[in-house]
Amino acid sequence: MKYLLMIYGNQEKWNSFPPEQIQEVIAKVDAFNQRYHATGELLGAYGLGDATEAKLVRRVNGQPAVTDGPYLETKEYMASFYLLEVADEARAREIAADMPMADEEPIEMWPVPHVAF
């Protein structure tokens, strides 16, 4: 079963961290990624660009129409996501709870019941 784990960010919060703390967090996240990639349960881990770089794309009169995003007016935004393939929901919960940032922020977990290809 596949699960999507989402981590939300807040630029104000990230900017408040001293550089050495950011390096510490990056090292913990890299160790987490390597551990679960080695088990085959982590299919991918993707960090997203800053929310100021997000775009919304629609089709207007058959052509792409692009505006700045994200859609929601909020300080928090999806900062990264992880795709897991695990035996069951209990295992996905274990992995989500093991994420370095789970002590500070909730990890949003979604089942992925349908795969297009």
PDB file of N, CA and C in Angstrom:
ATOM      1  N   MET A   1       0.843  -1.177   0.000  1.00  0.00           N
ATOM      2  CA  MET A   1       0.000   0.000   0.000  1.00  0.00           C
ATOM      3  C   MET A   1       0.888   1.241   0.000  1.00  0.00           C
ATOM      4  N   LYS A   2       0.502   2.210  -0.804  1.00  0.00           N
ATOM      5  CA  LYS A   2       1.263   3.452  -0.879  1.00  0.00           C
ATOM      6  C   LYS A   2       0.635   4.514   0.028  1.00  0.00           C
ATOM      7  N   TYR A   3       1.509   5.336   0.613  1.00  0.00           N
ATOM      8  CA  TYR A   3       1.079   6.455   1.448  1.00  0.00           C
ATOM      9  C   TYR A   3       1.900   7.674   1.090  1.00  0.00           C
ATOM     10  N   LEU A   4       1.237   8.826   1.114  1.00  0.00           N
ATOM     11  CA  LEU A   4       1.890  10.108   0.897  1.00  0.00           C
ATOM     12  C   LEU A   4       1.999  10.796   2.252  1.00  0.00           C
ATOM     13  N   LEU A   5       3.209  11.200   2.611  1.00  0.00           N
ATOM     14  CA  LEU A   5       3.442  11.966   3.828  1.00  0.00           C
ATOM     15  C   LEU A   5       3.755  13.394   3.414  1.00  0.00           C
ATOM     16  N   MET A   6       3.075  14.348   4.029  1.00  0.00           N
ATOM     17  CA  MET A   6       3.287  15.750   3.679  1.00  0.00           C
ATOM     18  C   MET A   6       3.734  16.535   4.900  1.00  0.00           C
ATOM     19  N   ILE A   7       4.692  17.407   4.676  1.00  0.00           N
ATOM     20  CA  ILE A   7       5.225  18.276   5.717  1.00  0.00           C
ATOM     21  C   ILE A   7       4.964  19.713   5.284  1.00  0.00           C
ATOM     22  N   TYR A   8       4.389  20.472   6.192  1.00  0.00           N
ATOM     23  CA  TYR A   8       4.098  21.866   5.895  1.00  0.00           C
ATOM     24  C   TYR A   8       5.180  22.760   6.458  1.00  0.00           C
ATOM     25  N   GLY A   9       5.432  23.848   5.762  1.00  0.00           N
ATOM     26  CA  GLY A   9       6.457  24.789   6.177  1.00  0.00           C
ATOM     27  C   GLY A   9       5.882  26.172   6.400  1.00  0.00           C
ATOM     28  N   ASN A  10       6.701  26.995   6.985  1.00  0.00           N
ATOM     29  CA  ASN A  10       6.353  28.374   7.248  1.00  0.00           C
ATOM     30  C   ASN A  10       7.657  29.153   7.106  1.00  0.00           C
ATOM     31  N   GLN A  11       7.744  30.015   6.114  1.00  0.00           N
ATOM     32  CA  GLN A  11       8.992  30.714   5.815  1.00  0.00           C
ATOM     33  C   GLN A  11       9.496  31.508   7.007  1.00  0.00           C
ATOM     34  N   GLU A  12       8.596  32.092   7.756  1.00  0.00           N
ATOM     35  CA  GLU A  12       8.984  32.850   8.942  1.00  0.00           C
ATOM     36  C   GLU A  12       9.715  31.941   9.941  1.00  0.00           C
ATOM     37  N   LYS A  13       9.182  30.750  10.131  1.00  0.00           N
ATOM     38  CA  LYS A  13       9.800  29.802  11.061  1.00  0.00           C
ATOM     39  C   LYS A  13      11.173  29.367  10.554  1.00  0.00           C
ATOM     40  N   TRP A  14      11.265  29.008   9.251  1.00  0.00           N
ATOM     41  CA  TRP A  14      12.561  28.570   8.706  1.00  0.00           C
ATOM     42  C   TRP A  14      13.604  29.669   8.851  1.00  0.00           C
ATOM     43  N   ASN A  15      13.198  30.905   8.590  1.00  0.00           N
ATOM     44  CA  ASN A  15      14.139  32.033   8.675  1.00  0.00           C
ATOM     45  C   ASN A  15      14.624  32.293  10.103  1.00  0.00           C
ATOM     46  N   SER A  16      13.873  31.820  11.098  1.00  0.00           N
ATOM     47  CA  SER A  16      14.256  32.057  12.486  1.00  0.00           C
ATOM     48  C   SER A  16      15.325  31.077  12.983  1.00  0.00           C
ATOM     49  N   PHE A  17      15.574  29.991  12.252  1.00  0.00           N
ATOM     50  CA  PHE A  17      16.574  29.012  12.681  1.00  0.00           C
ATOM     51  C   PHE A  17      17.984  29.522  12.412  1.00  0.00           C
ATOM     52  N   PRO A  18      18.890  29.368  13.381  1.00  0.00           N
ATOM     53  CA  PRO A  18      20.292  29.700  13.111  1.00  0.00           C
ATOM     54  C   PRO A  18      20.860  28.690  12.103  1.00  0.00           C
ATOM     55  N   PRO A  19      21.841  29.101  11.296  1.00  0.00           N
ATOM     56  CA  PRO A  19      22.391  28.220  10.253  1.00  0.00           C
ATOM     57  C   PRO A  19      22.832  26.853  10.764  1.00  0.00           C
ATOM     58  N   GLU A  20      23.434  26.783  11.963  1.00  0.00           N
ATOM     59  CA  GLU A  20      23.902  25.488  12.462  1.00  0.00           C
ATOM     60  C   GLU A  20      22.726  24.557  12.766  1.00  0.00           C
ATOM     61  N   GLN A  21      21.594  25.105  13.167  1.00  0.00           N
ATOM     62  CA  GLN A  21      20.422  24.272  13.436  1.00  0.00           C
ATOM     63  C   GLN A  21      19.842  23.745  12.129  1.00  0.00           C
ATOM     64  N   ILE A  22      19.865  24.548  11.095  1.00  0.00           N
ATOM     65  CA  ILE A  22      19.376  24.103   9.784  1.00  0.00           C
ATOM     66  C   ILE A  22      20.224  22.933   9.297  1.00  0.00           C
ATOM     67  N   GLN A  23      21.537  23.020   9.436  1.00  0.00           N
ATOM     68  CA  GLN A  23      22.426  21.938   9.023  1.00  0.00           C
ATOM     69  C   GLN A  23      22.148  20.661   9.822  1.00  0.00           C
ATOM     70  N   GLU A  24      21.838  20.829  11.092  1.00  0.00           N
ATOM     71  CA  GLU A  24      21.513  19.699  11.956  1.00  0.00           C
ATOM     72  C   GLU A  24      20.224  19.002  11.472  1.00  0.00           C
ATOM     73  N   VAL A  25      19.220  19.788  11.156  1.00  0.00           N
ATOM     74  CA  VAL A  25      17.949  19.248  10.663  1.00  0.00           C
ATOM     75  C   VAL A  25      18.164  18.532   9.333  1.00  0.00           C
ATOM     76  N   ILE A  26      18.929  19.129   8.442  1.00  0.00           N
ATOM     77  CA  ILE A  26      19.202  18.518   7.140  1.00  0.00           C
ATOM     78  C   ILE A  26      19.899  17.169   7.325  1.00  0.00           C
ATOM     79  N   ALA A  27      20.847  17.097   8.241  1.00  0.00           N
ATOM     80  CA  ALA A  27      21.554  15.832   8.497  1.00  0.00           C
ATOM     81  C   ALA A  27      20.593  14.764   9.018  1.00  0.00           C
ATOM     82  N   LYS A  28      19.683  15.139   9.908  1.00  0.00           N
ATOM     83  CA  LYS A  28      18.704  14.180  10.437  1.00  0.00           C
ATOM     84  C   LYS A  28      17.757  13.698   9.344  1.00  0.00           C
ATOM     85  N   VAL A  29      17.323  14.613   8.500  1.00  0.00           N
ATOM     86  CA  VAL A  29      16.417  14.249   7.412  1.00  0.00           C
ATOM     87  C   VAL A  29      17.137  13.338   6.417  1.00  0.00           C
ATOM     88  N   ASP A  30      18.390  13.645   6.092  1.00  0.00           N
ATOM     89  CA  ASP A  30      19.158  12.785   5.181  1.00  0.00           C
ATOM     90  C   ASP A  30      19.304  11.374   5.748  1.00  0.00           C
ATOM     91  N   ALA A  31      19.564  11.265   7.047  1.00  0.00           N
ATOM     92  CA  ALA A  31      19.691   9.944   7.685  1.00  0.00           C
ATOM     93  C   ALA A  31      18.369   9.190   7.623  1.00  0.00           C
ATOM     94  N   PHE A  32      17.272   9.881   7.884  1.00  0.00           N
ATOM     95  CA  PHE A  32      15.938   9.281   7.779  1.00  0.00           C
ATOM     96  C   PHE A  32      15.708   8.768   6.356  1.00  0.00           C
ATOM     97  N   ASN A  33      15.971   9.623   5.367  1.00  0.00           N
ATOM     98  CA  ASN A  33      15.772   9.255   3.962  1.00  0.00           C
ATOM     99  C   ASN A  33      16.592   8.024   3.595  1.00  0.00           C
ATOM    100  N   GLN A  34      17.850   7.995   3.983  1.00  0.00           N
ATOM    101  CA  GLN A  34      18.719   6.856   3.656  1.00  0.00           C
ATOM    102  C   GLN A  34      18.234   5.574   4.324  1.00  0.00           C
ATOM    103  N   ARG A  35      17.811   5.676   5.587  1.00  0.00           N
ATOM    104  CA  ARG A  35      17.351   4.497   6.336  1.00  0.00           C
ATOM    105  C   ARG A  35      16.146   3.848   5.647  1.00  0.00           C
ATOM    106  N   TYR A  36      15.141   4.632   5.282  1.00  0.00           N
ATOM    107  CA  TYR A  36      13.928   4.059   4.709  1.00  0.00           C
ATOM    108  C   TYR A  36      14.036   3.798   3.209  1.00  0.00           C
ATOM    109  N   HIS A  37      14.948   4.471   2.538  1.00  0.00           N
ATOM    110  CA  HIS A  37      15.231   4.122   1.143  1.00  0.00           C
ATOM    111  C   HIS A  37      15.889   2.743   1.104  1.00  0.00           C
ATOM    112  N   ALA A  38      16.776   2.481   2.065  1.00  0.00           N
ATOM    113  CA  ALA A  38      17.472   1.187   2.131  1.00  0.00           C
ATOM    114  C   ALA A  38      16.509   0.030   2.377  1.00  0.00           C
ATOM    115  N   THR A  39      15.410   0.275   3.098  1.00  0.00           N
ATOM    116  CA  THR A  39      14.430  -0.796   3.339  1.00  0.00           C
ATOM    117  C   THR A  39      13.512  -0.995   2.137  1.00  0.00           C
ATOM    118  N   GLY A  40      13.544  -0.050   1.184  1.00  0.00           N
ATOM    119  CA  GLY A  40      12.660  -0.113   0.024  1.00  0.00           C
ATOM    120  C   GLY A  40      11.290   0.502   0.280  1.00  0.00           C
ATOM    121  N   GLU A  41      11.071   1.022   1.493  1.00  0.00           N
ATOM    122  CA  GLU A  41       9.766   1.589   1.824  1.00  0.00           C
ATOM    123  C   GLU A  41       9.622   3.046   1.391  1.00  0.00           C
ATOM    124  N   LEU A  42      10.718   3.762   1.258  1.00  0.00           N
ATOM    125  CA  LEU A  42      10.678   5.150   0.807  1.00  0.00           C
ATOM    126  C   LEU A  42      10.930   5.170  -0.695  1.00  0.00           C
ATOM    127  N   LEU A  43       9.875   5.465  -1.456  1.00  0.00           N
ATOM    128  CA  LEU A  43       9.991   5.506  -2.911  1.00  0.00           C
ATOM    129  C   LEU A  43      10.573   6.823  -3.395  1.00  0.00           C
ATOM    130  N   GLY A  44      10.322   7.888  -2.659  1.00  0.00           N
ATOM    131  CA  GLY A  44      10.841   9.191  -3.043  1.00  0.00           C
ATOM    132  C   GLY A  44      10.595  10.219  -1.958  1.00  0.00           C
ATOM    133  N   ALA A  45      11.495  11.177  -1.855  1.00  0.00           N
ATOM    134  CA  ALA A  45      11.374  12.286  -0.909  1.00  0.00           C
ATOM    135  C   ALA A  45      11.672  13.553  -1.696  1.00  0.00           C
ATOM    136  N   TYR A  46      10.752  14.486  -1.659  1.00  0.00           N
ATOM    137  CA  TYR A  46      10.861  15.655  -2.518  1.00  0.00           C
ATOM    138  C   TYR A  46      10.643  16.930  -1.719  1.00  0.00           C
ATOM    139  N   GLY A  47      11.628  17.803  -1.721  1.00  0.00           N
ATOM    140  CA  GLY A  47      11.490  19.116  -1.104  1.00  0.00           C
ATOM    141  C   GLY A  47      10.991  20.086  -2.155  1.00  0.00           C
ATOM    142  N   LEU A  48      10.046  20.906  -1.794  1.00  0.00           N
ATOM    143  CA  LEU A  48       9.469  21.852  -2.747  1.00  0.00           C
ATOM    144  C   LEU A  48      10.113  23.221  -2.608  1.00  0.00           C
ATOM    145  N   GLY A  49      10.041  23.999  -3.677  1.00  0.00           N
ATOM    146  CA  GLY A  49      10.561  25.363  -3.663  1.00  0.00           C
ATOM    147  C   GLY A  49       9.733  26.241  -2.744  1.00  0.00           C
ATOM    148  N   ASP A  50      10.206  27.424  -2.504  1.00  0.00           N
ATOM    149  CA  ASP A  50       9.507  28.382  -1.658  1.00  0.00           C
ATOM    150  C   ASP A  50       8.122  28.677  -2.231  1.00  0.00           C
ATOM    151  N   ALA A  51       7.177  28.962  -1.347  1.00  0.00           N
ATOM    152  CA  ALA A  51       5.804  29.243  -1.773  1.00  0.00           C
ATOM    153  C   ALA A  51       5.732  30.421  -2.740  1.00  0.00           C
ATOM    154  N   THR A  52       6.682  31.343  -2.659  1.00  0.00           N
ATOM    155  CA  THR A  52       6.669  32.490  -3.573  1.00  0.00           C
ATOM    156  C   THR A  52       6.948  32.073  -5.010  1.00  0.00           C
ATOM    157  N   GLU A  53       7.467  30.866  -5.201  1.00  0.00           N
ATOM    158  CA  GLU A  53       7.756  30.368  -6.544  1.00  0.00           C
ATOM    159  C   GLU A  53       6.618  29.534  -7.123  1.00  0.00           C
ATOM    160  N   ALA A  54       5.586  29.238  -6.330  1.00  0.00           N
ATOM    161  CA  ALA A  54       4.476  28.406  -6.781  1.00  0.00           C
ATOM    162  C   ALA A  54       3.640  29.151  -7.817  1.00  0.00           C
ATOM    163  N   LYS A  55       3.051  28.416  -8.724  1.00  0.00           N
ATOM    164  CA  LYS A  55       2.194  28.976  -9.767  1.00  0.00           C
ATOM    165  C   LYS A  55       0.895  28.188  -9.833  1.00  0.00           C
ATOM    166  N   LEU A  56      -0.144  28.837 -10.286  1.00  0.00           N
ATOM    167  CA  LEU A  56      -1.412  28.189 -10.575  1.00  0.00           C
ATOM    168  C   LEU A  56      -1.585  28.197 -12.087  1.00  0.00           C
ATOM    169  N   VAL A  57      -1.949  27.067 -12.633  1.00  0.00           N
ATOM    170  CA  VAL A  57      -2.127  26.952 -14.083  1.00  0.00           C
ATOM    171  C   VAL A  57      -3.569  26.531 -14.357  1.00  0.00           C
ATOM    172  N   ARG A  58      -4.208  27.272 -15.232  1.00  0.00           N
ATOM    173  CA  ARG A  58      -5.563  26.951 -15.692  1.00  0.00           C
ATOM    174  C   ARG A  58      -5.551  26.990 -17.216  1.00  0.00           C
ATOM    175  N   ARG A  59      -6.613  26.456 -17.784  1.00  0.00           N
ATOM    176  CA  ARG A  59      -6.776  26.565 -19.232  1.00  0.00           C
ATOM    177  C   ARG A  59      -7.881  27.588 -19.480  1.00  0.00           C
ATOM    178  N   VAL A  60      -7.549  28.615 -20.231  1.00  0.00           N
ATOM    179  CA  VAL A  60      -8.509  29.652 -20.599  1.00  0.00           C
ATOM    180  C   VAL A  60      -8.514  29.747 -22.120  1.00  0.00           C
ATOM    181  N   ASN A  61      -9.669  29.517 -22.724  1.00  0.00           N
ATOM    182  CA  ASN A  61      -9.796  29.528 -24.194  1.00  0.00           C
ATOM    183  C   ASN A  61      -8.779  28.609 -24.845  1.00  0.00           C
ATOM    184  N   GLY A  62      -8.553  27.460 -24.237  1.00  0.00           N
ATOM    185  CA  GLY A  62      -7.652  26.463 -24.809  1.00  0.00           C
ATOM    186  C   GLY A  62      -6.176  26.716 -24.574  1.00  0.00           C
ATOM    187  N   GLN A  63      -5.835  27.778 -23.881  1.00  0.00           N
ATOM    188  CA  GLN A  63      -4.438  28.137 -23.646  1.00  0.00           C
ATOM    189  C   GLN A  63      -4.125  28.132 -22.151  1.00  0.00           C
ATOM    190  N   PRO A  64      -2.857  27.841 -21.789  1.00  0.00           N
ATOM    191  CA  PRO A  64      -2.510  27.909 -20.375  1.00  0.00           C
ATOM    192  C   PRO A  64      -2.545  29.351 -19.869  1.00  0.00           C
ATOM    193  N   ALA A  65      -3.150  29.533 -18.717  1.00  0.00           N
ATOM    194  CA  ALA A  65      -3.166  30.834 -18.051  1.00  0.00           C
ATOM    195  C   ALA A  65      -2.493  30.628 -16.699  1.00  0.00           C
ATOM    196  N   VAL A  66      -1.411  31.344 -16.463  1.00  0.00           N
ATOM    197  CA  VAL A  66      -0.595  31.138 -15.269  1.00  0.00           C
ATOM    198  C   VAL A  66      -0.668  32.363 -14.368  1.00  0.00           C
ATOM    199  N   THR A  67      -0.899  32.100 -13.085  1.00  0.00           N
ATOM    200  CA  THR A  67      -0.885  33.168 -12.084  1.00  0.00           C
ATOM    201  C   THR A  67      -0.014  32.711 -10.927  1.00  0.00           C
ATOM    202  N   ASP A  68       0.384  33.672 -10.114  1.00  0.00           N
ATOM    203  CA  ASP A  68       1.161  33.317  -8.931  1.00  0.00           C
ATOM    204  C   ASP A  68       0.312  32.490  -7.980  1.00  0.00           C
ATOM    205  N   GLY A  69       0.970  31.621  -7.237  1.00  0.00           N
ATOM    206  CA  GLY A  69       0.289  30.786  -6.250  1.00  0.00           C
ATOM    207  C   GLY A  69       0.980  30.968  -4.932  1.00  0.00           C
ATOM    208  N   PRO A  70       0.768  30.136  -3.970  1.00  0.00           N
ATOM    209  CA  PRO A  70      -0.212  29.058  -4.003  1.00  0.00           C
ATOM    210  C   PRO A  70      -1.636  29.587  -3.881  1.00  0.00           C
ATOM    211  N   TYR A  71      -2.574  28.699  -4.088  1.00  0.00           N
ATOM    212  CA  TYR A  71      -3.979  29.065  -4.119  1.00  0.00           C
ATOM    213  C   TYR A  71      -4.448  29.648  -2.793  1.00  0.00           C
ATOM    214  N   LEU A  72      -4.083  28.997  -1.696  1.00  0.00           N
ATOM    215  CA  LEU A  72      -4.527  29.441  -0.381  1.00  0.00           C
ATOM    216  C   LEU A  72      -3.689  30.619   0.111  1.00  0.00           C
ATOM    217  N   GLU A  73      -4.333  31.574   0.712  1.00  0.00           N
ATOM    218  CA  GLU A  73      -3.627  32.682   1.338  1.00  0.00           C
ATOM    219  C   GLU A  73      -3.322  32.276   2.778  1.00  0.00           C
ATOM    220  N   THR A  74      -2.148  31.755   2.995  1.00  0.00           N
ATOM    221  CA  THR A  74      -1.773  31.262   4.306  1.00  0.00           C
ATOM    222  C   THR A  74      -0.275  31.361   4.472  1.00  0.00           C
ATOM    223  N   LYS A  75       0.197  31.402   5.698  1.00  0.00           N
ATOM    224  CA  LYS A  75       1.632  31.424   5.945  1.00  0.00           C
ATOM    225  C   LYS A  75       2.241  30.050   5.732  1.00  0.00           C
ATOM    226  N   GLU A  76       1.457  29.008   5.986  1.00  0.00           N
ATOM    227  CA  GLU A  76       1.971  27.653   5.869  1.00  0.00           C
ATOM    228  C   GLU A  76       1.704  27.104   4.476  1.00  0.00           C
ATOM    229  N   TYR A  77       2.599  26.283   4.004  1.00  0.00           N
ATOM    230  CA  TYR A  77       2.488  25.698   2.675  1.00  0.00           C
ATOM    231  C   TYR A  77       3.146  24.324   2.701  1.00  0.00           C
ATOM    232  N   MET A  78       2.801  23.499   1.722  1.00  0.00           N
ATOM    233  CA  MET A  78       3.421  22.190   1.645  1.00  0.00           C
ATOM    234  C   MET A  78       4.881  22.377   1.249  1.00  0.00           C
ATOM    235  N   ALA A  79       5.779  21.966   2.138  1.00  0.00           N
ATOM    236  CA  ALA A  79       7.206  22.176   1.927  1.00  0.00           C
ATOM    237  C   ALA A  79       7.882  20.958   1.311  1.00  0.00           C
ATOM    238  N   SER A  80       7.391  19.763   1.653  1.00  0.00           N
ATOM    239  CA  SER A  80       7.977  18.549   1.076  1.00  0.00           C
ATOM    240  C   SER A  80       6.990  17.414   1.195  1.00  0.00           C
ATOM    241  N   PHE A  81       7.236  16.377   0.391  1.00  0.00           N
ATOM    242  CA  PHE A  81       6.390  15.201   0.467  1.00  0.00           C
ATOM    243  C   PHE A  81       7.218  13.955   0.235  1.00  0.00           C
ATOM    244  N   TYR A  82       6.740  12.876   0.801  1.00  0.00           N
ATOM    245  CA  TYR A  82       7.401  11.577   0.758  1.00  0.00           C
ATOM    246  C   TYR A  82       6.405  10.562   0.247  1.00  0.00           C
ATOM    247  N   LEU A  83       6.850   9.659  -0.600  1.00  0.00           N
ATOM    248  CA  LEU A  83       5.995   8.587  -1.080  1.00  0.00           C
ATOM    249  C   LEU A  83       6.528   7.274  -0.536  1.00  0.00           C
ATOM    250  N   LEU A  84       5.676   6.577   0.208  1.00  0.00           N
ATOM    251  CA  LEU A  84       6.046   5.305   0.821  1.00  0.00           C
ATOM    252  C   LEU A  84       5.324   4.158   0.138  1.00  0.00           C
ATOM    253  N   GLU A  85       5.920   2.991   0.196  1.00  0.00           N
ATOM    254  CA  GLU A  85       5.223   1.754  -0.132  1.00  0.00           C
ATOM    255  C   GLU A  85       5.495   0.807   1.022  1.00  0.00           C
ATOM    256  N   VAL A  86       4.445   0.503   1.768  1.00  0.00           N
ATOM    257  CA  VAL A  86       4.576  -0.268   3.000  1.00  0.00           C
ATOM    258  C   VAL A  86       3.517  -1.364   3.043  1.00  0.00           C
ATOM    259  N   ALA A  87       3.674  -2.262   3.992  1.00  0.00           N
ATOM    260  CA  ALA A  87       2.751  -3.393   4.118  1.00  0.00           C
ATOM    261  C   ALA A  87       1.356  -2.952   4.537  1.00  0.00           C
ATOM    262  N   ASP A  88       1.276  -1.943   5.408  1.00  0.00           N
ATOM    263  CA  ASP A  88      -0.036  -1.542   5.919  1.00  0.00           C
ATOM    264  C   ASP A  88       0.035  -0.149   6.538  1.00  0.00           C
ATOM    265  N   GLU A  89      -1.131   0.329   6.963  1.00  0.00           N
ATOM    266  CA  GLU A  89      -1.211   1.678   7.541  1.00  0.00           C
ATOM    267  C   GLU A  89      -0.392   1.797   8.818  1.00  0.00           C
ATOM    268  N   ALA A  90      -0.362   0.747   9.609  1.00  0.00           N
ATOM    269  CA  ALA A  90       0.403   0.789  10.856  1.00  0.00           C
ATOM    270  C   ALA A  90       1.875   1.082  10.582  1.00  0.00           C
ATOM    271  N   ARG A  91       2.423   0.476   9.537  1.00  0.00           N
ATOM    272  CA  ARG A  91       3.836   0.715   9.206  1.00  0.00           C
ATOM    273  C   ARG A  91       4.020   2.147   8.716  1.00  0.00           C
ATOM    274  N   ALA A  92       3.087   2.669   7.929  1.00  0.00           N
ATOM    275  CA  ALA A  92       3.180   4.057   7.467  1.00  0.00           C
ATOM    276  C   ALA A  92       3.175   5.010   8.654  1.00  0.00           C
ATOM    277  N   ARG A  93       2.353   4.720   9.662  1.00  0.00           N
ATOM    278  CA  ARG A  93       2.313   5.547  10.869  1.00  0.00           C
ATOM    279  C   ARG A  93       3.650   5.510  11.602  1.00  0.00           C
ATOM    280  N   GLU A  94       4.244   4.332  11.698  1.00  0.00           N
ATOM    281  CA  GLU A  94       5.542   4.204  12.370  1.00  0.00           C
ATOM    282  C   GLU A  94       6.592   5.072  11.686  1.00  0.00           C
ATOM    283  N   ILE A  95       6.618   4.998  10.359  1.00  0.00           N
ATOM    284  CA  ILE A  95       7.612   5.766   9.609  1.00  0.00           C
ATOM    285  C   ILE A  95       7.335   7.265   9.750  1.00  0.00           C
ATOM    286  N   ALA A  96       6.076   7.668   9.644  1.00  0.00           N
ATOM    287  CA  ALA A  96       5.728   9.095   9.797  1.00  0.00           C
ATOM    288  C   ALA A  96       6.148   9.601  11.172  1.00  0.00           C
ATOM    289  N   ALA A  97       5.912   8.809  12.203  1.00  0.00           N
ATOM    290  CA  ALA A  97       6.269   9.219  13.568  1.00  0.00           C
ATOM    291  C   ALA A  97       7.775   9.252  13.776  1.00  0.00           C
ATOM    292  N   ASP A  98       8.534   8.556  12.923  1.00  0.00           N
ATOM    293  CA  ASP A  98       9.992   8.522  13.029  1.00  0.00           C
ATOM    294  C   ASP A  98      10.646   9.701  12.311  1.00  0.00           C
ATOM    295  N   MET A  99       9.872  10.483  11.576  1.00  0.00           N
ATOM    296  CA  MET A  99      10.445  11.620  10.852  1.00  0.00           C
ATOM    297  C   MET A  99      11.025  12.606  11.862  1.00  0.00           C
ATOM    298  N   PRO A 100      12.192  13.173  11.566  1.00  0.00           N
ATOM    299  CA  PRO A 100      12.842  14.082  12.512  1.00  0.00           C
ATOM    300  C   PRO A 100      11.961  15.242  12.970  1.00  0.00           C
ATOM    301  N   MET A 101      11.108  15.753  12.119  1.00  0.00           N
ATOM    302  CA  MET A 101      10.304  16.923  12.473  1.00  0.00           C
ATOM    303  C   MET A 101       8.994  16.568  13.165  1.00  0.00           C
ATOM    304  N   ALA A 102       8.718  15.271  13.361  1.00  0.00           N
ATOM    305  CA  ALA A 102       7.446  14.856  13.968  1.00  0.00           C
ATOM    306  C   ALA A 102       7.309  15.307  15.420  1.00  0.00           C
ATOM    307  N   ASP A 103       8.417  15.625  16.082  1.00  0.00           N
ATOM    308  CA  ASP A 103       8.338  16.153  17.449  1.00  0.00           C
ATOM    309  C   ASP A 103       7.812  17.593  17.462  1.00  0.00           C
ATOM    310  N   GLU A 104       8.035  18.302  16.365  1.00  0.00           N
ATOM    311  CA  GLU A 104       7.690  19.722  16.295  1.00  0.00           C
ATOM    312  C   GLU A 104       6.408  19.998  15.516  1.00  0.00           C
ATOM    313  N   GLU A 105       6.195  19.241  14.460  1.00  0.00           N
ATOM    314  CA  GLU A 105       5.098  19.503  13.537  1.00  0.00           C
ATOM    315  C   GLU A 105       4.383  18.202  13.195  1.00  0.00           C
ATOM    316  N   PRO A 106       3.082  18.259  12.962  1.00  0.00           N
ATOM    317  CA  PRO A 106       2.391  17.034  12.539  1.00  0.00           C
ATOM    318  C   PRO A 106       2.773  16.664  11.104  1.00  0.00           C
ATOM    319  N   ILE A 107       2.752  15.395  10.836  1.00  0.00           N
ATOM    320  CA  ILE A 107       2.997  14.881   9.489  1.00  0.00           C
ATOM    321  C   ILE A 107       1.645  14.460   8.929  1.00  0.00           C
ATOM    322  N   GLU A 108       1.251  15.024   7.812  1.00  0.00           N
ATOM    323  CA  GLU A 108      -0.025  14.656   7.205  1.00  0.00           C
ATOM    324  C   GLU A 108       0.177  13.387   6.386  1.00  0.00           C
ATOM    325  N   MET A 109      -0.684  12.393   6.595  1.00  0.00           N
ATOM    326  CA  MET A 109      -0.532  11.088   5.945  1.00  0.00           C
ATOM    327  C   MET A 109      -1.802  10.771   5.160  1.00  0.00           C
ATOM    328  N   TRP A 110      -1.612  10.477   3.886  1.00  0.00           N
ATOM    329  CA  TRP A 110      -2.743  10.149   3.003  1.00  0.00           C
ATOM    330  C   TRP A 110      -2.507   8.800   2.352  1.00  0.00           C
ATOM    331  N   PRO A 111      -3.498   7.915   2.331  1.00  0.00           N
ATOM    332  CA  PRO A 111      -3.377   6.693   1.551  1.00  0.00           C
ATOM    333  C   PRO A 111      -3.423   7.040   0.058  1.00  0.00           C
ATOM    334  N   VAL A 112      -2.726   6.259  -0.741  1.00  0.00           N
ATOM    335  CA  VAL A 112      -2.734   6.427  -2.196  1.00  0.00           C
ATOM    336  C   VAL A 112      -3.321   5.139  -2.776  1.00  0.00           C
ATOM    337  N   PRO A 113      -4.656   5.039  -2.861  1.00  0.00           N
ATOM    338  CA  PRO A 113      -5.276   3.777  -3.272  1.00  0.00           C
ATOM    339  C   PRO A 113      -5.245   3.513  -4.774  1.00  0.00           C
ATOM    340  N   HIS A 114      -5.001   4.554  -5.565  1.00  0.00           N
ATOM    341  CA  HIS A 114      -5.047   4.388  -7.024  1.00  0.00           C
ATOM    342  C   HIS A 114      -3.747   4.885  -7.644  1.00  0.00           C
ATOM    343  N   VAL A 115      -3.169   4.072  -8.495  1.00  0.00           N
ATOM    344  CA  VAL A 115      -1.951   4.436  -9.203  1.00  0.00           C
ATOM    345  C   VAL A 115      -2.272   4.368 -10.697  1.00  0.00           C
ATOM    346  N   ALA A 116      -2.021   5.453 -11.406  1.00  0.00           N
ATOM    347  CA  ALA A 116      -2.364   5.519 -12.823  1.00  0.00           C
ATOM    348  C   ALA A 116      -1.420   4.678 -13.689  1.00  0.00           C
ATOM    349  N   PHE A 117      -0.150   4.624 -13.347  1.00  0.00           N
ATOM    350  CA  PHE A 117       0.822   3.828 -14.117  1.00  0.00           C
ATOM    351  C   PHE A 117       1.994   3.462 -13.267  1.00  0.00           C
TER     352      PHE A 117
END
